[in-house]
Amino acid sequence: MKLRRLSAALLGAFLLHPGPRVTLAQGAQPPDQPAVTVRGQTYTPRSILARNMGTDEDQTTAFPPHKVIGNVYYVGTRTLTSFLITTPAGHILLNSTYERNVRTIAKSVTQLGFKFEDVRILVGTHAHGDHQEGDALAKELTGAQVMAMREDVPALEAIKPGGKAHPIDRTLRDGEQVTLGGTTLVAHLTPGHTRGCTTWTMKAQEGGQAFDVVFACSYRAPANVTPEIEGEFNRTFTLVRALPCDVPLGDHAAQYNLAAKHARLSAGAPNPFVDPGNCWNEAEIQEAMLRAQLQMQQKAPRP
């Protein structure tokens, strides 16, 4: 992996998850531990972060917009996902990503034959800048109602690109529904990564069949797992595995192998995004990492 790619990803981590300032010797990096192996692939905290974020260019360059299934379309970048859910009454946008990406997302919506100004509702997965920094600009361009899980409201209100106040028109509770034009999204509180991390589910119709679509929130634990965060993740991993799922999606493209699946799209072939066997692969990776982190913390010498 190129150093530039890794450095960009690590810088993003510090910007998105600020903590106490740490001064490192020139060229030094913190240990990249623990390492876990899931389904034959080995992961470390640094490799997961680099996989999720990619380079600065990956975060801001549009991935080819495309239909995922039914009325669900991809309009995000190479590594930061954004989904358009279309309805006769207007559209729902899930994840505005960075503010600098909003007009890129709007262009992708237009390329698909829809109008960005027809977005009526804006929701997100969680209160980090790479997923919801663009909410204010997206609302400015569309007039959409911004809806968010109540536990994430304080963190969202702290996201103020250029000093813009973060708009929140409706706060949601676990299990609440967001309905527009015959399509219903259900908000599931799956905390741990943030207090209000939200996994969204909906039904999509294609070829006379109904499919359960899951837009997963990030399930990645912070560097230091407190008992409270451990409890949140225990609840989250139990909940997500109980959700009906045919089409697993995520808030980072790599979480559901977007590039590989998109490459297999072809007329008349089975839809590669229908992948029930891998619905909880990402949760499996992140739970294994969480357990390994907890073991490391328990073995660490007490101050």
C-alpha atoms as a PDB file:
ATOM      1  CA  MET A   1       0.000   0.000   0.000  1.00  0.00           C
ATOM      2  CA  LYS A   2       1.341   3.382  -0.935  1.00  0.00           C
ATOM      3  CA  LEU A   3       2.374   5.637   1.924  1.00  0.00           C
ATOM      4  CA  ARG A   4       0.354   8.524   0.486  1.00  0.00           C
ATOM      5  CA  ARG A   5      -2.799   6.427   0.525  1.00  0.00           C
ATOM      6  CA  LEU A   6      -2.254   5.293   4.088  1.00  0.00           C
ATOM      7  CA  SER A   7      -1.347   8.743   5.349  1.00  0.00           C
ATOM      8  CA  ALA A   8      -4.488  10.243   3.855  1.00  0.00           C
ATOM      9  CA  ALA A   9      -6.623   7.596   5.487  1.00  0.00           C
ATOM     10  CA  LEU A  10      -4.983   8.061   8.869  1.00  0.00           C
ATOM     11  CA  LEU A  11      -5.328  11.813   8.654  1.00  0.00           C
ATOM     12  CA  GLY A  12      -9.019  11.293   7.950  1.00  0.00           C
ATOM     13  CA  ALA A  13      -9.278   9.176  11.056  1.00  0.00           C
ATOM     14  CA  PHE A  14      -7.831  11.910  13.257  1.00  0.00           C
ATOM     15  CA  LEU A  15     -10.107  14.519  11.682  1.00  0.00           C
ATOM     16  CA  LEU A  16     -13.244  12.393  12.017  1.00  0.00           C
ATOM     17  CA  HIS A  17     -12.492  11.015  15.454  1.00  0.00           C
ATOM     18  CA  PRO A  18     -10.483  13.665  17.279  1.00  0.00           C
ATOM     19  CA  GLY A  19      -8.949  12.708  20.617  1.00  0.00           C
ATOM     20  CA  PRO A  20      -6.103  13.734  22.876  1.00  0.00           C
ATOM     21  CA  ARG A  21      -3.154  15.128  20.956  1.00  0.00           C
ATOM     22  CA  VAL A  22      -0.369  12.584  20.577  1.00  0.00           C
ATOM     23  CA  THR A  23       3.134  13.614  19.570  1.00  0.00           C
ATOM     24  CA  LEU A  24       5.074  10.942  17.699  1.00  0.00           C
ATOM     25  CA  ALA A  25       8.726  10.816  16.823  1.00  0.00           C
ATOM     26  CA  GLN A  26       9.358  11.609  13.184  1.00  0.00           C
ATOM     27  CA  GLY A  27       8.470   8.581  11.086  1.00  0.00           C
ATOM     28  CA  ALA A  28       6.952   6.713  14.039  1.00  0.00           C
ATOM     29  CA  GLN A  29       3.435   5.267  13.972  1.00  0.00           C
ATOM     30  CA  PRO A  30       1.372   3.639  16.713  1.00  0.00           C
ATOM     31  CA  PRO A  31       1.268  -0.173  16.635  1.00  0.00           C
ATOM     32  CA  ASP A  32      -1.274  -1.502  14.150  1.00  0.00           C
ATOM     33  CA  GLN A  33      -2.949  -3.971  16.503  1.00  0.00           C
ATOM     34  CA  PRO A  34      -4.827  -6.201  16.933  1.00  0.00           C
ATOM     35  CA  ALA A  35      -5.005  -8.356  13.815  1.00  0.00           C
ATOM     36  CA  VAL A  36      -7.969 -10.636  13.144  1.00  0.00           C
ATOM     37  CA  THR A  37      -8.619 -13.143  10.375  1.00  0.00           C
ATOM     38  CA  VAL A  38     -12.168 -13.528   9.082  1.00  0.00           C
ATOM     39  CA  ARG A  39     -13.060 -15.799   6.155  1.00  0.00           C
ATOM     40  CA  GLY A  40      -9.399 -16.113   5.239  1.00  0.00           C
ATOM     41  CA  GLN A  41      -8.700 -12.355   5.167  1.00  0.00           C
ATOM     42  CA  THR A  42      -6.579 -10.627   7.823  1.00  0.00           C
ATOM     43  CA  TYR A  43      -7.543  -7.169   9.052  1.00  0.00           C
ATOM     44  CA  THR A  44      -5.943  -4.575  11.325  1.00  0.00           C
ATOM     45  CA  PRO A  45      -7.372  -1.240  12.497  1.00  0.00           C
ATOM     46  CA  ARG A  46      -5.192   0.598   9.994  1.00  0.00           C
ATOM     47  CA  SER A  47      -6.026  -1.672   7.071  1.00  0.00           C
ATOM     48  CA  ILE A  48      -9.770  -1.338   7.747  1.00  0.00           C
ATOM     49  CA  LEU A  49      -9.533   2.432   7.874  1.00  0.00           C
ATOM     50  CA  ALA A  50      -7.491   2.574   4.669  1.00  0.00           C
ATOM     51  CA  ARG A  51      -9.935   0.184   2.977  1.00  0.00           C
ATOM     52  CA  ASN A  52     -12.909   2.321   4.005  1.00  0.00           C
ATOM     53  CA  MET A  53     -11.509   5.740   3.147  1.00  0.00           C
ATOM     54  CA  GLY A  54      -9.042   5.176   0.312  1.00  0.00           C
ATOM     55  CA  THR A  55      -7.232   8.247  -0.981  1.00  0.00           C
ATOM     56  CA  ASP A  56      -8.502  11.821  -1.003  1.00  0.00           C
ATOM     57  CA  GLU A  57      -9.270  11.270  -4.680  1.00  0.00           C
ATOM     58  CA  ASP A  58     -11.286   8.130  -3.901  1.00  0.00           C
ATOM     59  CA  GLN A  59     -13.371  10.062  -1.381  1.00  0.00           C
ATOM     60  CA  THR A  60     -14.316  12.798  -3.851  1.00  0.00           C
ATOM     61  CA  THR A  61     -14.430  11.077  -7.272  1.00  0.00           C
ATOM     62  CA  ALA A  62     -17.844   9.854  -8.373  1.00  0.00           C
ATOM     63  CA  PHE A  63     -18.264   6.127  -8.824  1.00  0.00           C
ATOM     64  CA  PRO A  64     -20.384   5.413 -11.930  1.00  0.00           C
ATOM     65  CA  PRO A  65     -23.983   6.012 -10.818  1.00  0.00           C
ATOM     66  CA  HIS A  66     -26.106   2.919 -11.232  1.00  0.00           C
ATOM     67  CA  LYS A  67     -29.258   1.114 -10.242  1.00  0.00           C
ATOM     68  CA  VAL A  68     -28.736  -1.202  -7.276  1.00  0.00           C
ATOM     69  CA  ILE A  69     -32.165  -2.826  -7.102  1.00  0.00           C
ATOM     70  CA  GLY A  70     -35.762  -1.683  -7.534  1.00  0.00           C
ATOM     71  CA  ASN A  71     -35.922   2.029  -6.771  1.00  0.00           C
ATOM     72  CA  VAL A  72     -32.499   2.153  -5.079  1.00  0.00           C
ATOM     73  CA  TYR A  73     -29.636   3.849  -6.929  1.00  0.00           C
ATOM     74  CA  TYR A  74     -25.982   4.520  -6.129  1.00  0.00           C
ATOM     75  CA  VAL A  75     -24.860   8.157  -6.401  1.00  0.00           C
ATOM     76  CA  GLY A  76     -21.782   8.222  -4.148  1.00  0.00           C
ATOM     77  CA  THR A  77     -18.032   8.297  -4.633  1.00  0.00           C
ATOM     78  CA  ARG A  78     -15.498   5.492  -4.930  1.00  0.00           C
ATOM     79  CA  THR A  79     -15.378   4.961  -1.157  1.00  0.00           C
ATOM     80  CA  LEU A  80     -18.138   7.080   0.451  1.00  0.00           C
ATOM     81  CA  THR A  81     -21.607   5.827  -0.329  1.00  0.00           C
ATOM     82  CA  SER A  82     -24.703   7.848  -1.091  1.00  0.00           C
ATOM     83  CA  PHE A  83     -27.984   6.274  -2.166  1.00  0.00           C
ATOM     84  CA  LEU A  84     -30.989   7.728  -3.978  1.00  0.00           C
ATOM     85  CA  ILE A  85     -34.323   6.060  -3.246  1.00  0.00           C
ATOM     86  CA  THR A  86     -36.796   7.228  -5.863  1.00  0.00           C
ATOM     87  CA  THR A  87     -40.577   7.514  -5.468  1.00  0.00           C
ATOM     88  CA  PRO A  88     -43.450   9.141  -7.398  1.00  0.00           C
ATOM     89  CA  ALA A  89     -43.708  11.765  -4.622  1.00  0.00           C
ATOM     90  CA  GLY A  90     -40.033  12.775  -4.756  1.00  0.00           C
ATOM     91  CA  HIS A  91     -36.884  11.102  -3.554  1.00  0.00           C
ATOM     92  CA  ILE A  92     -34.957  10.152  -0.409  1.00  0.00           C
ATOM     93  CA  LEU A  93     -31.195  10.705  -0.240  1.00  0.00           C
ATOM     94  CA  LEU A  94     -29.230   8.587   2.223  1.00  0.00           C
ATOM     95  CA  ASN A  95     -25.850  10.124   3.162  1.00  0.00           C
ATOM     96  CA  SER A  96     -24.754  13.491   1.784  1.00  0.00           C
ATOM     97  CA  THR A  97     -21.078  12.647   2.557  1.00  0.00           C
ATOM     98  CA  TYR A  98     -18.665  15.612   2.612  1.00  0.00           C
ATOM     99  CA  GLU A  99     -19.998  19.034   1.680  1.00  0.00           C
ATOM    100  CA  ARG A 100     -17.553  19.161  -1.245  1.00  0.00           C
ATOM    101  CA  ASN A 101     -19.233  16.038  -2.666  1.00  0.00           C
ATOM    102  CA  VAL A 102     -22.819  17.323  -2.704  1.00  0.00           C
ATOM    103  CA  ARG A 103     -22.663  18.767  -6.208  1.00  0.00           C
ATOM    104  CA  THR A 104     -20.920  15.590  -7.404  1.00  0.00           C
ATOM    105  CA  ILE A 105     -23.816  13.581  -5.970  1.00  0.00           C
ATOM    106  CA  ALA A 106     -26.284  15.952  -7.650  1.00  0.00           C
ATOM    107  CA  LYS A 107     -24.551  15.364 -11.007  1.00  0.00           C
ATOM    108  CA  SER A 108     -24.811  11.587 -10.523  1.00  0.00           C
ATOM    109  CA  VAL A 109     -28.532  11.935  -9.778  1.00  0.00           C
ATOM    110  CA  THR A 110     -28.953  13.899 -13.021  1.00  0.00           C
ATOM    111  CA  GLN A 111     -26.986  11.317 -15.015  1.00  0.00           C
ATOM    112  CA  LEU A 112     -29.482   8.685 -13.865  1.00  0.00           C
ATOM    113  CA  GLY A 113     -32.331  10.767 -15.286  1.00  0.00           C
ATOM    114  CA  PHE A 114     -33.649  12.200 -12.020  1.00  0.00           C
ATOM    115  CA  LYS A 115     -33.667  15.726 -10.594  1.00  0.00           C
ATOM    116  CA  PHE A 116     -31.666  16.504  -7.481  1.00  0.00           C
ATOM    117  CA  GLU A 117     -34.171  19.186  -6.514  1.00  0.00           C
ATOM    118  CA  ASP A 118     -36.812  16.443  -6.260  1.00  0.00           C
ATOM    119  CA  VAL A 119     -35.091  15.080  -3.129  1.00  0.00           C
ATOM    120  CA  ARG A 120     -37.689  15.547  -0.373  1.00  0.00           C
ATOM    121  CA  ILE A 121     -36.041  13.712   2.554  1.00  0.00           C
ATOM    122  CA  LEU A 122     -32.403  13.507   3.609  1.00  0.00           C
ATOM    123  CA  VAL A 123     -31.231  10.890   6.113  1.00  0.00           C
ATOM    124  CA  GLY A 124     -27.839   9.496   7.093  1.00  0.00           C
ATOM    125  CA  THR A 125     -26.113   6.615   8.787  1.00  0.00           C
ATOM    126  CA  HIS A 126     -24.134   8.487  11.449  1.00  0.00           C
ATOM    127  CA  ALA A 127     -22.753  11.796  12.649  1.00  0.00           C
ATOM    128  CA  HIS A 128     -19.301  11.866  11.065  1.00  0.00           C
ATOM    129  CA  GLY A 129     -18.265  14.387   8.460  1.00  0.00           C
ATOM    130  CA  ASP A 130     -17.566  11.848   5.723  1.00  0.00           C
ATOM    131  CA  HIS A 131     -21.217  10.783   5.833  1.00  0.00           C
ATOM    132  CA  GLN A 132     -23.276  13.820   6.841  1.00  0.00           C
ATOM    133  CA  GLU A 133     -21.197  16.986   6.534  1.00  0.00           C
ATOM    134  CA  GLY A 134     -23.061  17.915   3.358  1.00  0.00           C
ATOM    135  CA  ASP A 135     -26.543  17.955   4.924  1.00  0.00           C
ATOM    136  CA  ALA A 136     -26.798  21.754   5.082  1.00  0.00           C
ATOM    137  CA  LEU A 137     -25.831  22.270   1.429  1.00  0.00           C
ATOM    138  CA  ALA A 138     -28.053  19.401   0.264  1.00  0.00           C
ATOM    139  CA  LYS A 139     -30.985  20.980   2.094  1.00  0.00           C
ATOM    140  CA  GLU A 140     -30.131  24.378   0.626  1.00  0.00           C
ATOM    141  CA  LEU A 141     -30.194  22.955  -2.918  1.00  0.00           C
ATOM    142  CA  THR A 142     -33.313  20.786  -2.521  1.00  0.00           C
ATOM    143  CA  GLY A 143     -35.366  22.016   0.430  1.00  0.00           C
ATOM    144  CA  ALA A 144     -35.386  18.447   1.750  1.00  0.00           C
ATOM    145  CA  GLN A 145     -36.368  17.634   5.321  1.00  0.00           C
ATOM    146  CA  VAL A 146     -33.345  16.400   7.269  1.00  0.00           C
ATOM    147  CA  MET A 147     -34.113  13.531   9.649  1.00  0.00           C
ATOM    148  CA  ALA A 148     -31.728  12.006  12.193  1.00  0.00           C
ATOM    149  CA  MET A 149     -31.655   9.563  15.101  1.00  0.00           C
ATOM    150  CA  ARG A 150     -32.010  11.569  18.301  1.00  0.00           C
ATOM    151  CA  GLU A 151     -28.885  10.063  19.919  1.00  0.00           C
ATOM    152  CA  ASP A 152     -26.759  11.537  17.112  1.00  0.00           C
ATOM    153  CA  VAL A 153     -28.234  15.043  17.257  1.00  0.00           C
ATOM    154  CA  PRO A 154     -25.522  16.592  19.498  1.00  0.00           C
ATOM    155  CA  ALA A 155     -22.731  15.240  17.289  1.00  0.00           C
ATOM    156  CA  LEU A 156     -24.514  16.362  14.125  1.00  0.00           C
ATOM    157  CA  GLU A 157     -25.021  19.856  15.506  1.00  0.00           C
ATOM    158  CA  ALA A 158     -21.243  20.068  15.987  1.00  0.00           C
ATOM    159  CA  ILE A 159     -20.701  19.504  12.237  1.00  0.00           C
ATOM    160  CA  LYS A 160     -20.704  23.046  10.821  1.00  0.00           C
ATOM    161  CA  PRO A 161     -18.847  23.305   7.499  1.00  0.00           C
ATOM    162  CA  GLY A 162     -18.041  26.946   6.857  1.00  0.00           C
ATOM    163  CA  GLY A 163     -19.986  27.825   9.987  1.00  0.00           C
ATOM    164  CA  LYS A 164     -23.278  26.523   8.598  1.00  0.00           C
ATOM    165  CA  ALA A 165     -25.690  25.281  11.257  1.00  0.00           C
ATOM    166  CA  HIS A 166     -26.541  21.614  10.811  1.00  0.00           C
ATOM    167  CA  PRO A 167     -30.229  21.335   9.883  1.00  0.00           C
ATOM    168  CA  ILE A 168     -32.402  18.787  11.677  1.00  0.00           C
ATOM    169  CA  ASP A 169     -36.124  18.914  10.880  1.00  0.00           C
ATOM    170  CA  ARG A 170     -37.208  15.674  12.542  1.00  0.00           C
ATOM    171  CA  THR A 171     -35.597  13.527  15.209  1.00  0.00           C
ATOM    172  CA  LEU A 172     -36.152   9.787  15.065  1.00  0.00           C
ATOM    173  CA  ARG A 173     -36.344   7.015  17.637  1.00  0.00           C
ATOM    174  CA  ASP A 174     -35.307   3.402  17.219  1.00  0.00           C
ATOM    175  CA  GLY A 175     -37.761   1.610  14.940  1.00  0.00           C
ATOM    176  CA  GLU A 176     -39.418   4.734  13.511  1.00  0.00           C
ATOM    177  CA  GLN A 177     -40.459   4.736   9.880  1.00  0.00           C
ATOM    178  CA  VAL A 178     -39.791   7.313   7.178  1.00  0.00           C
ATOM    179  CA  THR A 179     -42.315   7.012   4.340  1.00  0.00           C
ATOM    180  CA  LEU A 180     -42.500   8.780   0.991  1.00  0.00           C
ATOM    181  CA  GLY A 181     -44.405   7.876  -2.155  1.00  0.00           C
ATOM    182  CA  GLY A 182     -45.108   4.284  -1.132  1.00  0.00           C
ATOM    183  CA  THR A 183     -41.562   3.510   0.042  1.00  0.00           C
ATOM    184  CA  THR A 184     -40.842   3.058   3.749  1.00  0.00           C
ATOM    185  CA  LEU A 185     -37.430   3.152   5.398  1.00  0.00           C
ATOM    186  CA  VAL A 186     -37.096   1.844   8.954  1.00  0.00           C
ATOM    187  CA  ALA A 187     -34.473   3.406  11.247  1.00  0.00           C
ATOM    188  CA  HIS A 188     -32.711   0.900  13.524  1.00  0.00           C
ATOM    189  CA  LEU A 189     -30.529   2.258  16.312  1.00  0.00           C
ATOM    190  CA  THR A 190     -27.202   0.377  16.068  1.00  0.00           C
ATOM    191  CA  PRO A 191     -24.860   2.366  18.346  1.00  0.00           C
ATOM    192  CA  GLY A 192     -21.190   1.902  19.086  1.00  0.00           C
ATOM    193  CA  HIS A 193     -19.462   3.711  16.235  1.00  0.00           C
ATOM    194  CA  THR A 194     -21.540   6.747  17.233  1.00  0.00           C
ATOM    195  CA  ARG A 195     -24.301   7.054  19.825  1.00  0.00           C
ATOM    196  CA  GLY A 196     -26.982   7.297  17.136  1.00  0.00           C
ATOM    197  CA  CYS A 197     -25.493   5.097  14.424  1.00  0.00           C
ATOM    198  CA  THR A 198     -28.460   4.124  12.240  1.00  0.00           C
ATOM    199  CA  THR A 199     -28.903   1.033  10.096  1.00  0.00           C
ATOM    200  CA  TRP A 200     -31.739   1.508   7.605  1.00  0.00           C
ATOM    201  CA  THR A 201     -33.932  -1.195   6.078  1.00  0.00           C
ATOM    202  CA  MET A 202     -36.533  -1.186   3.311  1.00  0.00           C
ATOM    203  CA  LYS A 203     -38.299  -3.444   0.835  1.00  0.00           C
ATOM    204  CA  ALA A 204     -37.431  -3.180  -2.850  1.00  0.00           C
ATOM    205  CA  GLN A 205     -39.431  -4.683  -5.697  1.00  0.00           C
ATOM    206  CA  GLU A 206     -37.742  -6.161  -8.752  1.00  0.00           C
ATOM    207  CA  GLY A 207     -38.821  -8.785 -11.257  1.00  0.00           C
ATOM    208  CA  GLY A 208     -42.007  -9.472  -9.348  1.00  0.00           C
ATOM    209  CA  GLN A 209     -40.090 -10.234  -6.144  1.00  0.00           C
ATOM    210  CA  ALA A 210     -39.637  -8.349  -2.887  1.00  0.00           C
ATOM    211  CA  PHE A 211     -36.111  -7.964  -1.480  1.00  0.00           C
ATOM    212  CA  ASP A 212     -34.982  -6.852   1.963  1.00  0.00           C
ATOM    213  CA  VAL A 213     -32.383  -4.094   1.581  1.00  0.00           C
ATOM    214  CA  VAL A 214     -30.070  -3.185   4.484  1.00  0.00           C
ATOM    215  CA  PHE A 215     -28.083   0.076   4.497  1.00  0.00           C
ATOM    216  CA  ALA A 216     -25.621  -0.740   7.269  1.00  0.00           C
ATOM    217  CA  CYS A 217     -24.065   1.834   9.537  1.00  0.00           C
ATOM    218  CA  SER A 218     -20.372   1.491  10.388  1.00  0.00           C
ATOM    219  CA  TYR A 219     -19.758  -1.100  13.097  1.00  0.00           C
ATOM    220  CA  ARG A 220     -16.099  -0.156  13.671  1.00  0.00           C
ATOM    221  CA  ALA A 221     -15.120   0.338  17.320  1.00  0.00           C
ATOM    222  CA  PRO A 222     -12.988   3.251  18.552  1.00  0.00           C
ATOM    223  CA  ALA A 223      -9.406   2.699  19.701  1.00  0.00           C
ATOM    224  CA  ASN A 224     -10.498   2.585  23.352  1.00  0.00           C
ATOM    225  CA  VAL A 225     -13.596   0.501  24.061  1.00  0.00           C
ATOM    226  CA  THR A 226     -15.331   1.565  27.269  1.00  0.00           C
ATOM    227  CA  PRO A 227     -17.836  -0.706  29.052  1.00  0.00           C
ATOM    228  CA  GLU A 228     -20.623   1.518  27.739  1.00  0.00           C
ATOM    229  CA  ILE A 229     -19.447   1.171  24.137  1.00  0.00           C
ATOM    230  CA  GLU A 230     -19.020  -2.586  24.583  1.00  0.00           C
ATOM    231  CA  GLY A 231     -22.616  -2.777  25.763  1.00  0.00           C
ATOM    232  CA  GLU A 232     -23.799  -0.769  22.771  1.00  0.00           C
ATOM    233  CA  PHE A 233     -21.975  -3.043  20.353  1.00  0.00           C
ATOM    234  CA  ASN A 234     -23.286  -6.187  22.057  1.00  0.00           C
ATOM    235  CA  ARG A 235     -26.792  -4.917  21.432  1.00  0.00           C
ATOM    236  CA  THR A 236     -25.948  -3.831  17.888  1.00  0.00           C
ATOM    237  CA  PHE A 237     -24.424  -7.112  16.729  1.00  0.00           C
ATOM    238  CA  THR A 238     -27.374  -9.061  18.130  1.00  0.00           C
ATOM    239  CA  LEU A 239     -29.861  -6.758  16.446  1.00  0.00           C
ATOM    240  CA  VAL A 240     -28.328  -6.583  12.981  1.00  0.00           C
ATOM    241  CA  ARG A 241     -28.046 -10.344  12.648  1.00  0.00           C
ATOM    242  CA  ALA A 242     -31.785 -10.607  13.269  1.00  0.00           C
ATOM    243  CA  LEU A 243     -32.680  -8.222  10.420  1.00  0.00           C
ATOM    244  CA  PRO A 244     -34.074  -9.810   7.238  1.00  0.00           C
ATOM    245  CA  CYS A 245     -31.511  -9.207   4.500  1.00  0.00           C
ATOM    246  CA  ASP A 246     -31.152  -9.972   0.807  1.00  0.00           C
ATOM    247  CA  VAL A 247     -29.196  -6.919  -0.353  1.00  0.00           C
ATOM    248  CA  PRO A 248     -26.385  -5.801   1.985  1.00  0.00           C
ATOM    249  CA  LEU A 249     -25.172  -2.231   1.477  1.00  0.00           C
ATOM    250  CA  GLY A 250     -22.961  -0.031   3.654  1.00  0.00           C
ATOM    251  CA  ASP A 251     -21.780   3.510   4.272  1.00  0.00           C
ATOM    252  CA  HIS A 252     -18.354   2.701   2.787  1.00  0.00           C
ATOM    253  CA  ALA A 253     -18.256   1.004  -0.606  1.00  0.00           C
ATOM    254  CA  ALA A 254     -15.726  -1.646   0.445  1.00  0.00           C
ATOM    255  CA  GLN A 255     -18.054  -2.900   3.162  1.00  0.00           C
ATOM    256  CA  TYR A 256     -20.167  -4.628   0.516  1.00  0.00           C
ATOM    257  CA  ASN A 257     -17.608  -5.011  -2.302  1.00  0.00           C
ATOM    258  CA  LEU A 258     -19.206  -2.376  -4.513  1.00  0.00           C
ATOM    259  CA  ALA A 259     -16.539  -2.321  -7.225  1.00  0.00           C
ATOM    260  CA  ALA A 260     -16.483  -6.100  -7.716  1.00  0.00           C
ATOM    261  CA  LYS A 261     -20.268  -6.377  -7.741  1.00  0.00           C
ATOM    262  CA  HIS A 262     -20.702  -3.432 -10.100  1.00  0.00           C
ATOM    263  CA  ALA A 263     -18.245  -5.061 -12.521  1.00  0.00           C
ATOM    264  CA  ARG A 264     -20.572  -8.089 -12.676  1.00  0.00           C
ATOM    265  CA  LEU A 265     -23.647  -6.063 -13.642  1.00  0.00           C
ATOM    266  CA  SER A 266     -24.940  -7.169 -17.030  1.00  0.00           C
ATOM    267  CA  ALA A 267     -28.305  -7.437 -18.737  1.00  0.00           C
ATOM    268  CA  GLY A 268     -30.029 -10.734 -18.126  1.00  0.00           C
ATOM    269  CA  ALA A 269     -27.586 -11.906 -15.441  1.00  0.00           C
ATOM    270  CA  PRO A 270     -28.538 -12.316 -11.767  1.00  0.00           C
ATOM    271  CA  ASN A 271     -28.251  -9.063  -9.813  1.00  0.00           C
ATOM    272  CA  PRO A 272     -24.877  -9.276  -7.992  1.00  0.00           C
ATOM    273  CA  PHE A 273     -26.126  -6.942  -5.254  1.00  0.00           C
ATOM    274  CA  VAL A 274     -28.535  -9.669  -4.136  1.00  0.00           C
ATOM    275  CA  ASP A 275     -26.092 -11.375  -1.783  1.00  0.00           C
ATOM    276  CA  PRO A 276     -27.795 -12.798   1.327  1.00  0.00           C
ATOM    277  CA  GLY A 277     -24.847 -15.066   2.106  1.00  0.00           C
ATOM    278  CA  ASN A 278     -22.650 -12.046   2.819  1.00  0.00           C
ATOM    279  CA  CYS A 279     -25.187  -9.869   4.625  1.00  0.00           C
ATOM    280  CA  TRP A 280     -23.291  -9.879   7.904  1.00  0.00           C
ATOM    281  CA  ASN A 281     -19.708 -10.297   6.711  1.00  0.00           C
ATOM    282  CA  GLU A 282     -18.838  -6.748   7.762  1.00  0.00           C
ATOM    283  CA  ALA A 283     -20.460  -7.210  11.172  1.00  0.00           C
ATOM    284  CA  GLU A 284     -18.457 -10.423  11.583  1.00  0.00           C
ATOM    285  CA  ILE A 285     -15.201  -8.576  10.830  1.00  0.00           C
ATOM    286  CA  GLN A 286     -15.949  -5.711  13.178  1.00  0.00           C
ATOM    287  CA  GLU A 287     -17.152  -7.934  16.027  1.00  0.00           C
ATOM    288  CA  ALA A 288     -13.963 -10.009  15.769  1.00  0.00           C
ATOM    289  CA  MET A 289     -11.925  -6.789  15.922  1.00  0.00           C
ATOM    290  CA  LEU A 290     -13.932  -5.558  18.915  1.00  0.00           C
ATOM    291  CA  ARG A 291     -13.333  -8.782  20.871  1.00  0.00           C
ATOM    292  CA  ALA A 292      -9.625  -8.667  20.044  1.00  0.00           C
ATOM    293  CA  GLN A 293      -9.417  -5.036  21.158  1.00  0.00           C
ATOM    294  CA  LEU A 294     -11.081  -5.891  24.447  1.00  0.00           C
ATOM    295  CA  GLN A 295      -8.605  -8.715  25.045  1.00  0.00           C
ATOM    296  CA  MET A 296      -5.705  -6.325  24.415  1.00  0.00           C
ATOM    297  CA  GLN A 297      -7.168  -3.774  26.815  1.00  0.00           C
ATOM    298  CA  GLN A 298      -7.627  -6.393  29.530  1.00  0.00           C
ATOM    299  CA  LYS A 299      -3.987  -7.519  29.182  1.00  0.00           C
ATOM    300  CA  ALA A 300      -2.577  -3.986  29.101  1.00  0.00           C
ATOM    301  CA  PRO A 301      -0.736  -2.930  32.311  1.00  0.00           C
ATOM    302  CA  ARG A 302      -2.816  -0.703  34.535  1.00  0.00           C
ATOM    303  CA  PRO A 303      -1.444   2.803  35.189  1.00  0.00           C
END
